[in-house]
């Protein structure tokens, strides 16, 4: 009986630590509602760690292709995401039209919130800013040839010394 209790304790502790690790970056939330009869309602929540981990298992040529397409924007995305982490609560965009269309982009508690509402659809997206940084860094690494990475590392080390 004591052995069974120790095994249950070990499994429970492992499960608790695994859950804490998976949810440490937060949760990505996507909610889409169509405001019509028979409209779709999609509510999707996923741990942000899944995105970071998923980028490591995607075949390299797919990541490189995506990185090549996003290359001009990657430095801007990375810097903006790092700066957004400094603002715990800020409203970046709030636009409302006469047609009852409303778009709001804000930062709250380390997450980027994008809310778009009109007469036909409600779309709400929440992404941790840390995840945006991770994706930008991963794509930038994939877009940079190996020789340039070594040169960047050498330049960085020379600045530190």
Protein backbone atom coordinates (compact mmCIF):
# COMPACT_ATOMS: atom_id res chain seq x y z
CA UNK A 1 0.00 0.00 0.00
CA UNK A 2 2.85 2.37 0.86
CA UNK A 3 4.50 1.65 -2.49
CA UNK A 4 1.25 2.48 -4.31
CA UNK A 5 0.98 5.78 -2.41
CA UNK A 6 4.58 6.71 -3.34
CA UNK A 7 3.92 5.90 -7.00
CA UNK A 8 0.72 8.00 -6.97
CA UNK A 9 2.61 10.88 -5.34
CA UNK A 10 5.34 10.66 -8.00
CA UNK A 11 2.84 10.61 -10.85
CA UNK A 12 0.88 13.50 -9.32
CA UNK A 13 4.01 15.62 -8.82
CA UNK A 14 5.18 14.91 -12.36
CA UNK A 15 1.79 15.87 -13.75
CA UNK A 16 1.73 19.10 -11.72
CA UNK A 17 5.23 20.11 -12.81
CA UNK A 18 4.50 19.26 -16.45
CA UNK A 19 1.34 21.36 -16.37
CA UNK A 20 3.18 24.29 -14.79
CA UNK A 21 5.90 24.08 -17.47
CA UNK A 22 3.45 23.91 -20.36
CA UNK A 23 1.42 26.89 -19.14
CA UNK A 24 4.37 29.05 -18.00
CA UNK A 25 4.22 31.23 -21.14
CA UNK A 26 0.47 31.58 -20.98
CA UNK A 27 -2.35 30.67 -23.31
CA UNK A 28 -3.13 31.72 -26.87
CA UNK A 29 -6.85 32.32 -27.25
CA UNK A 30 -8.82 32.66 -30.48
CA UNK A 31 -12.59 33.22 -30.34
CA UNK A 32 -14.59 33.69 -33.54
CA UNK A 33 -18.38 34.08 -33.52
CA UNK A 34 -20.58 34.62 -36.56
CA UNK A 35 -23.63 36.65 -35.59
CA UNK A 36 -26.21 35.03 -37.86
CA UNK A 37 -28.54 32.07 -37.81
CA UNK A 38 -26.48 28.90 -38.05
CA UNK A 39 -23.27 30.88 -37.69
CA UNK A 40 -20.09 29.21 -36.54
CA UNK A 41 -18.68 29.65 -33.08
CA UNK A 42 -15.02 28.69 -32.80
CA UNK A 43 -13.24 28.96 -29.47
CA UNK A 44 -9.65 27.76 -29.52
CA UNK A 45 -7.28 27.85 -26.54
CA UNK A 46 -3.77 26.44 -26.72
CA UNK A 47 -0.75 26.75 -24.40
CA UNK A 48 1.77 29.19 -25.91
CA UNK A 49 4.52 26.65 -25.26
CA UNK A 50 2.99 24.47 -27.98
CA UNK A 51 3.80 27.14 -30.58
CA UNK A 52 7.42 27.44 -29.46
CA UNK A 53 7.79 23.66 -29.33
CA UNK A 54 5.98 23.23 -32.62
CA UNK A 55 8.46 25.49 -34.39
CA UNK A 56 11.22 23.09 -33.37
CA UNK A 57 9.58 20.02 -34.91
CA UNK A 58 8.46 21.59 -38.19
CA UNK A 59 10.78 20.54 -41.03
CA UNK A 60 13.54 23.12 -41.53
CA UNK A 61 12.70 23.87 -45.17
CA UNK A 62 9.19 25.01 -44.19
CA UNK A 63 10.57 27.31 -41.51
CA UNK A 64 13.17 28.67 -43.95
CA UNK A 65 10.47 29.34 -46.56
CA UNK A 66 8.34 31.22 -44.02
CA UNK A 67 11.42 33.08 -42.79
CA UNK A 68 12.35 34.17 -46.31
CA UNK A 69 8.87 35.58 -46.86
CA UNK A 70 8.89 37.40 -43.51
CA UNK A 71 12.57 38.46 -43.58
CA UNK A 72 11.94 42.22 -44.17
CA UNK A 73 9.56 42.37 -41.20
CA UNK A 74 11.35 40.13 -38.67
CA UNK A 75 13.59 42.77 -37.04
CA UNK A 76 10.61 45.09 -36.64
CA UNK A 77 8.39 42.32 -35.24
CA UNK A 78 11.05 41.25 -32.76
CA UNK A 79 11.77 44.79 -31.55
CA UNK A 80 8.09 45.70 -31.30
CA UNK A 81 7.37 42.52 -29.33
CA UNK A 82 10.24 43.25 -26.93
CA UNK A 83 8.99 46.80 -26.44
CA UNK A 84 5.42 45.60 -25.91
CA UNK A 85 6.63 43.52 -22.96
CA UNK A 86 7.55 46.80 -21.23
CA UNK A 87 3.95 48.04 -21.32
CA UNK A 88 1.84 46.04 -18.85
CA UNK A 89 -1.44 47.73 -19.83
CA UNK A 90 -1.78 50.00 -22.86
CA UNK A 91 -4.32 50.59 -25.58
CA UNK A 92 -2.56 50.78 -28.94
CA UNK A 93 -5.48 51.12 -31.36
CA UNK A 94 -9.16 51.82 -30.81
CA UNK A 95 -11.18 52.54 -33.95
CA UNK A 96 -14.94 52.61 -34.22
CA UNK A 97 -16.87 53.31 -37.42
CA UNK A 98 -20.38 54.61 -37.96
CA UNK A 99 -21.33 51.12 -39.24
CA UNK A 100 -20.83 49.62 -35.76
CA UNK A 101 -17.45 48.17 -36.66
CA UNK A 102 -14.95 48.26 -33.83
CA UNK A 103 -11.26 47.28 -33.75
CA UNK A 104 -9.20 47.41 -30.59
CA UNK A 105 -5.58 46.36 -30.16
CA UNK A 106 -4.21 46.49 -26.65
CA UNK A 107 -1.63 45.08 -24.28
CA UNK A 108 -2.81 43.72 -20.95
CA UNK A 109 -0.75 41.69 -18.52
CA UNK A 110 1.87 40.70 -21.10
CA UNK A 111 -0.60 39.68 -23.81
CA UNK A 112 -1.44 41.29 -27.12
CA UNK A 113 -5.23 41.47 -27.50
CA UNK A 114 -6.84 42.01 -30.90
CA UNK A 115 -10.60 42.47 -30.90
CA UNK A 116 -12.56 43.07 -34.11
CA UNK A 117 -16.33 43.34 -33.92
CA UNK A 118 -18.86 44.14 -36.61
CA UNK A 119 -22.50 43.28 -37.25
CA UNK A 120 -21.63 39.88 -38.70
CA UNK A 121 -18.57 38.68 -36.78
CA UNK A 122 -16.86 38.92 -33.42
CA UNK A 123 -13.15 38.02 -33.46
CA UNK A 124 -11.02 38.03 -30.32
CA UNK A 125 -7.35 36.96 -30.27
CA UNK A 126 -4.96 36.99 -27.30
CA UNK A 127 -1.27 36.11 -27.69
CA UNK A 128 1.48 36.40 -25.06
CA UNK A 129 4.12 38.89 -26.23
CA UNK A 130 6.82 36.39 -25.22
CA UNK A 131 5.46 33.99 -27.83
CA UNK A 132 5.66 36.67 -30.51
CA UNK A 133 9.33 37.21 -29.60
CA UNK A 134 10.00 33.47 -29.71
CA UNK A 135 8.44 33.10 -33.16
CA UNK A 136 10.31 36.13 -34.53
CA UNK A 137 13.62 34.85 -33.12
CA UNK A 138 13.06 31.37 -34.55
CA UNK A 139 12.18 32.75 -37.99
CA UNK A 140 15.14 35.13 -37.91
CA UNK A 141 17.48 32.26 -37.06
CA UNK A 142 16.09 30.24 -39.96
CA UNK A 143 16.44 33.18 -42.36
CA UNK A 144 20.06 33.80 -41.42
CA UNK A 145 22.69 31.61 -43.09
CA UNK A 146 25.10 29.79 -40.76
CA UNK A 147 28.04 32.05 -41.67
CA UNK A 148 26.07 35.17 -40.78
CA UNK A 149 25.10 33.64 -37.43
CA UNK A 150 28.76 33.07 -36.59
CA UNK A 151 29.57 36.64 -37.63
CA UNK A 152 26.70 37.99 -35.51
CA UNK A 153 27.86 35.97 -32.51
CA UNK A 154 31.44 37.16 -32.98
CA UNK A 155 30.29 40.79 -33.22
CA UNK A 156 28.14 40.40 -30.13
CA UNK A 157 30.99 38.89 -28.13
CA UNK A 158 33.36 41.66 -29.23
CA UNK A 159 30.84 44.23 -27.93
CA UNK A 160 30.64 42.49 -24.58
CA UNK A 161 34.42 42.32 -24.10
